[in-house]
N, C-alpha and C. Protein backbone atom coordinates (compact mmCIF):
# COMPACT_ATOMS: atom_id res chain seq x y z
N UNK A 1 0.83 -1.25 -0.04
CA UNK A 1 -0.03 -0.02 -0.01
C UNK A 1 0.94 1.33 -0.02
N UNK A 2 0.46 2.32 -0.67
CA UNK A 2 1.26 3.58 -0.65
C UNK A 2 1.44 4.30 0.64
N UNK A 3 2.42 5.10 0.64
CA UNK A 3 2.58 5.91 1.87
C UNK A 3 1.46 7.12 1.94
N UNK A 4 1.65 7.79 3.05
CA UNK A 4 0.48 8.89 3.27
C UNK A 4 0.60 9.89 2.25
N UNK A 5 1.73 10.15 1.48
CA UNK A 5 1.91 11.16 0.46
C UNK A 5 1.03 10.65 -0.79
N UNK A 6 0.85 9.45 -0.79
CA UNK A 6 0.17 8.84 -2.10
C UNK A 6 -1.25 9.43 -2.29
N UNK A 7 -1.93 9.87 -1.26
CA UNK A 7 -3.33 10.34 -1.28
C UNK A 7 -3.22 11.68 -2.06
N UNK A 8 -2.34 12.52 -1.71
CA UNK A 8 -2.25 13.79 -2.51
C UNK A 8 -2.09 13.60 -3.99
N UNK A 9 -1.13 12.80 -4.36
CA UNK A 9 -0.80 12.36 -5.65
C UNK A 9 -2.08 11.83 -6.32
N UNK A 10 -2.64 10.81 -5.73
CA UNK A 10 -3.84 10.25 -6.34
C UNK A 10 -5.02 11.38 -6.54
N UNK A 11 -5.25 12.12 -5.67
CA UNK A 11 -6.20 13.18 -5.72
C UNK A 11 -6.01 14.26 -6.75
N UNK A 12 -4.58 14.81 -6.78
CA UNK A 12 -4.41 15.89 -7.59
C UNK A 12 -3.75 15.41 -8.96
N UNK A 13 -2.96 14.47 -8.99
CA UNK A 13 -2.31 14.01 -10.28
C UNK A 13 -2.82 12.77 -10.83
N UNK A 14 -3.87 12.06 -10.13
CA UNK A 14 -4.41 10.96 -10.65
C UNK A 14 -3.38 9.65 -10.87
N UNK A 15 -2.31 9.87 -10.12
CA UNK A 15 -1.34 8.69 -10.24
C UNK A 15 -0.88 8.47 -8.68
N UNK A 16 -0.21 7.32 -8.43
CA UNK A 16 0.66 7.17 -7.36
C UNK A 16 1.82 7.94 -7.34
N UNK A 17 2.55 8.22 -6.18
CA UNK A 17 3.76 8.83 -6.04
C UNK A 17 4.76 8.26 -6.84
N UNK A 18 4.82 6.87 -6.78
CA UNK A 18 5.74 6.19 -7.50
C UNK A 18 5.71 6.32 -9.14
N UNK A 19 4.48 6.32 -9.50
CA UNK A 19 4.08 6.52 -11.00
C UNK A 19 4.64 7.97 -11.33
N UNK A 20 4.31 8.94 -10.56
CA UNK A 20 4.56 10.31 -10.83
C UNK A 20 6.18 10.44 -10.89
N UNK A 21 7.01 9.93 -9.95
CA UNK A 21 8.41 9.92 -10.02
C UNK A 21 9.06 9.24 -11.17
N UNK A 22 8.27 8.10 -11.77
CA UNK A 22 8.69 7.52 -12.99
C UNK A 22 8.63 8.29 -14.10
N UNK A 23 7.41 9.14 -14.13
CA UNK A 23 7.14 10.00 -15.27
C UNK A 23 8.08 11.11 -15.22
N UNK A 24 8.43 11.70 -14.04
CA UNK A 24 9.52 12.66 -13.99
C UNK A 24 10.88 12.10 -14.43
N UNK A 25 11.19 10.93 -14.01
CA UNK A 25 12.50 10.39 -14.55
C UNK A 25 12.57 10.32 -15.90
N UNK A 26 11.43 9.87 -16.61
CA UNK A 26 11.45 9.80 -18.09
C UNK A 26 11.57 11.11 -18.83
N UNK A 27 10.76 12.08 -18.26
CA UNK A 27 10.71 13.37 -18.88
C UNK A 27 12.17 14.06 -18.72
N UNK A 28 12.84 13.93 -17.57
CA UNK A 28 14.11 14.24 -17.34
C UNK A 28 15.18 13.81 -18.21
N UNK A 29 14.98 12.47 -18.46
CA UNK A 29 15.89 11.78 -19.41
C UNK A 29 15.88 12.39 -20.79
N UNK A 30 14.69 12.73 -21.25
CA UNK A 30 14.61 13.20 -22.57
C UNK A 30 14.65 14.74 -22.70
N UNK A 31 14.55 15.39 -21.55
CA UNK A 31 14.56 16.86 -21.61
C UNK A 31 15.82 17.58 -22.24
N UNK A 32 16.94 16.97 -22.05
CA UNK A 32 18.20 17.52 -22.64
C UNK A 32 18.28 17.62 -24.09
N UNK A 33 17.58 16.59 -24.59
CA UNK A 33 17.55 16.58 -26.20
C UNK A 33 16.58 17.51 -26.83
N UNK A 34 15.69 18.14 -26.03
CA UNK A 34 14.58 19.00 -26.63
C UNK A 34 14.51 20.37 -26.01
N UNK A 35 14.99 20.57 -24.79
CA UNK A 35 14.98 21.95 -24.21
C UNK A 35 16.37 22.23 -23.57
N UNK A 36 16.48 23.62 -23.35
CA UNK A 36 17.77 23.94 -22.67
C UNK A 36 17.67 23.40 -21.24
N UNK A 37 18.87 23.32 -20.64
CA UNK A 37 18.88 22.90 -19.24
C UNK A 37 18.09 23.82 -18.32
N UNK A 38 17.53 23.24 -17.25
CA UNK A 38 16.93 23.86 -16.23
C UNK A 38 17.83 24.11 -15.14
N UNK A 39 18.55 25.46 -15.34
CA UNK A 39 19.62 25.69 -14.37
C UNK A 39 19.25 26.62 -13.40
N UNK A 40 18.88 27.83 -13.59
CA UNK A 40 18.57 28.92 -12.66
C UNK A 40 17.00 29.16 -12.58
N UNK A 41 16.37 28.17 -12.83
CA UNK A 41 14.80 28.44 -12.67
C UNK A 41 14.31 27.96 -11.30
N UNK A 42 13.45 28.63 -10.80
CA UNK A 42 12.84 28.35 -9.44
C UNK A 42 12.05 26.94 -9.59
N UNK A 43 11.66 26.72 -11.00
CA UNK A 43 10.72 25.56 -11.11
C UNK A 43 11.44 24.43 -11.59
N UNK A 44 11.50 23.30 -11.13
CA UNK A 44 12.18 22.13 -11.54
C UNK A 44 11.21 21.34 -12.53
N UNK A 45 12.02 20.38 -13.24
CA UNK A 45 11.22 19.57 -14.06
C UNK A 45 10.08 18.76 -13.43
N UNK A 46 10.43 18.48 -12.10
CA UNK A 46 9.22 17.81 -11.26
C UNK A 46 8.08 18.69 -11.08
N UNK A 47 8.37 20.06 -10.80
CA UNK A 47 7.31 21.01 -10.60
C UNK A 47 6.54 21.16 -11.91
N UNK A 48 7.19 21.20 -13.15
CA UNK A 48 6.65 21.26 -14.39
C UNK A 48 5.73 20.09 -14.73
N UNK A 49 6.21 18.96 -14.30
CA UNK A 49 5.49 17.63 -14.62
C UNK A 49 4.16 17.66 -13.90
N UNK A 50 4.38 17.99 -12.58
CA UNK A 50 3.21 18.12 -11.68
C UNK A 50 2.16 19.06 -12.01
N UNK A 51 2.48 20.23 -12.50
CA UNK A 51 1.60 21.22 -13.19
C UNK A 51 0.93 20.55 -14.45
N UNK A 52 1.68 19.92 -15.28
CA UNK A 52 1.11 19.30 -16.55
C UNK A 52 0.13 18.26 -16.30
N UNK A 53 0.55 17.33 -15.43
CA UNK A 53 -0.53 16.25 -15.01
C UNK A 53 -1.81 16.86 -14.33
N UNK A 54 -1.77 17.82 -13.58
CA UNK A 54 -2.86 18.54 -12.84
C UNK A 54 -3.68 19.12 -14.13
N UNK A 55 -3.13 19.71 -15.01
CA UNK A 55 -3.81 20.26 -16.20
C UNK A 55 -4.54 19.21 -16.99
N UNK A 56 -3.86 18.04 -17.26
CA UNK A 56 -4.33 16.93 -17.96
C UNK A 56 -5.69 16.34 -17.17
N UNK A 57 -5.54 16.27 -15.87
CA UNK A 57 -6.52 15.54 -15.06
C UNK A 57 -7.66 16.44 -14.68
N UNK A 58 -7.58 17.70 -14.58
CA UNK A 58 -8.63 18.49 -13.93
C UNK A 58 -9.49 19.45 -15.03
N UNK A 59 -9.05 19.48 -16.19
CA UNK A 59 -9.79 20.39 -17.17
C UNK A 59 -9.75 21.87 -16.83
N UNK A 60 -8.72 22.25 -16.22
CA UNK A 60 -8.55 23.71 -15.91
C UNK A 60 -7.62 24.29 -16.83
N UNK A 61 -7.56 25.63 -16.83
CA UNK A 61 -6.48 26.32 -17.73
C UNK A 61 -5.09 26.06 -17.32
N UNK A 62 -4.07 26.34 -18.13
CA UNK A 62 -2.70 26.17 -17.68
C UNK A 62 -2.41 26.99 -16.39
N UNK A 63 -2.73 28.25 -16.57
CA UNK A 63 -2.42 29.14 -15.37
C UNK A 63 -2.86 28.52 -14.03
N UNK A 64 -4.17 28.06 -14.05
CA UNK A 64 -4.74 27.34 -12.79
C UNK A 64 -4.02 26.17 -12.45
N UNK A 65 -3.53 25.37 -13.44
CA UNK A 65 -2.81 24.16 -13.07
C UNK A 65 -1.30 24.64 -12.50
N UNK A 66 -0.77 25.60 -13.00
CA UNK A 66 0.50 26.07 -12.60
C UNK A 66 0.51 26.54 -11.13
N UNK A 67 -0.70 26.96 -10.60
CA UNK A 67 -0.71 27.46 -9.27
C UNK A 67 -0.32 26.46 -8.27
N UNK A 68 -0.58 25.08 -8.70
CA UNK A 68 -0.28 24.06 -7.60
C UNK A 68 1.27 23.98 -7.30
N UNK A 69 2.10 24.48 -8.30
CA UNK A 69 3.49 24.54 -8.03
C UNK A 69 3.94 26.03 -7.89
N UNK A 70 3.02 26.71 -7.66
CA UNK A 70 3.43 28.19 -7.35
C UNK A 70 3.91 28.91 -8.52
N UNK A 71 3.55 28.52 -9.71
CA UNK A 71 3.73 29.18 -11.02
C UNK A 71 2.94 30.33 -11.26
N UNK A 72 3.08 31.34 -11.96
CA UNK A 72 2.25 32.20 -12.45
C UNK A 72 2.19 32.26 -14.00
N UNK A 73 2.76 33.54 -14.47
CA UNK A 73 2.75 33.69 -15.96
C UNK A 73 3.50 32.73 -16.79
N UNK A 74 4.55 31.96 -16.19
CA UNK A 74 5.30 31.21 -16.89
C UNK A 74 4.67 29.76 -17.05
N UNK A 75 3.71 29.42 -16.36
CA UNK A 75 2.95 28.19 -16.28
C UNK A 75 2.74 27.70 -17.66
N UNK A 76 2.23 28.56 -18.53
CA UNK A 76 1.92 28.04 -19.85
C UNK A 76 3.22 27.50 -20.65
N UNK A 77 4.30 28.18 -20.56
CA UNK A 77 5.50 27.80 -21.23
C UNK A 77 5.96 26.46 -20.56
N UNK A 78 5.93 26.39 -19.25
CA UNK A 78 6.44 25.17 -18.67
C UNK A 78 5.72 23.92 -19.11
N UNK A 79 4.30 24.26 -18.92
CA UNK A 79 3.30 23.00 -19.24
C UNK A 79 3.63 22.61 -20.72
N UNK A 80 3.70 23.56 -21.69
CA UNK A 80 3.95 23.35 -23.07
C UNK A 80 5.22 22.46 -23.30
N UNK A 81 6.29 22.78 -22.56
CA UNK A 81 7.52 22.18 -22.62
C UNK A 81 7.40 20.60 -22.26
N UNK A 82 6.59 20.33 -21.16
CA UNK A 82 6.41 19.03 -20.83
C UNK A 82 5.60 18.25 -21.85
N UNK A 83 4.59 19.03 -22.33
CA UNK A 83 3.87 18.26 -23.40
C UNK A 83 4.53 18.05 -24.59
N UNK A 84 5.36 18.79 -24.99
CA UNK A 84 6.26 18.67 -26.24
C UNK A 84 7.18 17.39 -25.84
N UNK A 85 7.81 17.38 -24.70
CA UNK A 85 8.62 16.26 -24.41
C UNK A 85 7.85 14.92 -24.39
N UNK A 86 6.64 14.91 -23.82
CA UNK A 86 5.84 13.67 -23.89
C UNK A 86 5.51 13.34 -25.30
N UNK A 87 5.10 14.19 -26.10
CA UNK A 87 4.66 14.01 -27.48
C UNK A 87 6.02 13.45 -28.31
N UNK A 88 7.11 14.15 -28.16
CA UNK A 88 8.18 13.74 -28.95
C UNK A 88 8.79 12.40 -28.52
N UNK A 89 8.59 12.11 -27.28
CA UNK A 89 9.25 10.90 -26.71
C UNK A 89 8.47 9.52 -26.68
N UNK A 90 7.26 9.71 -26.30
CA UNK A 90 6.44 8.45 -25.88
C UNK A 90 5.11 8.34 -26.61
N UNK A 91 4.56 9.33 -27.24
CA UNK A 91 3.19 9.39 -27.68
C UNK A 91 2.87 8.15 -28.45
N UNK A 92 3.75 7.85 -29.51
CA UNK A 92 3.53 6.68 -30.27
C UNK A 92 3.61 5.29 -29.67
N UNK A 93 4.39 5.29 -28.48
CA UNK A 93 4.55 4.09 -27.84
C UNK A 93 3.56 3.86 -26.78
N UNK A 94 2.91 4.87 -26.20
CA UNK A 94 1.96 4.81 -25.15
C UNK A 94 0.48 4.87 -25.50
N UNK A 95 0.23 5.72 -26.37
CA UNK A 95 -1.20 5.88 -26.85
C UNK A 95 -1.53 5.20 -28.03
N UNK A 96 -2.52 4.32 -28.01
CA UNK A 96 -3.00 3.68 -29.22
C UNK A 96 -4.47 3.90 -29.42
N UNK A 97 -4.80 4.36 -30.74
CA UNK A 97 -6.20 4.54 -30.94
C UNK A 97 -6.78 3.29 -31.82
N UNK A 98 -7.97 3.11 -31.68
CA UNK A 98 -8.62 1.88 -32.21
C UNK A 98 -8.35 1.92 -33.81
N UNK A 99 -8.24 0.73 -34.29
CA UNK A 99 -7.86 0.62 -35.65
C UNK A 99 -9.24 0.09 -36.55
N UNK A 100 -10.25 -0.13 -35.80
CA UNK A 100 -11.46 -0.63 -36.57
C UNK A 100 -12.61 0.32 -36.29
């Protein structure tokens, strides 16, 4: 069974903490090939992935999703970076549409 932090992840990001950390690891692995390094930003890749998952799961605006990580006007840029990374790296491997 998950730890106590799992409840927050399941409620807000619709996944376990372990699944979230796996997604962060995969995005981080591919990030360097698609975007400049996150060096002096207050918002880590982990923050950006959290905001993106919240955006996907709750049907809110990107700005509203960014608030969970304390982001403001840059939320849209950060969320779009994560979406681009996901699309470029795993979309074909993870999402399958019906063929009939």
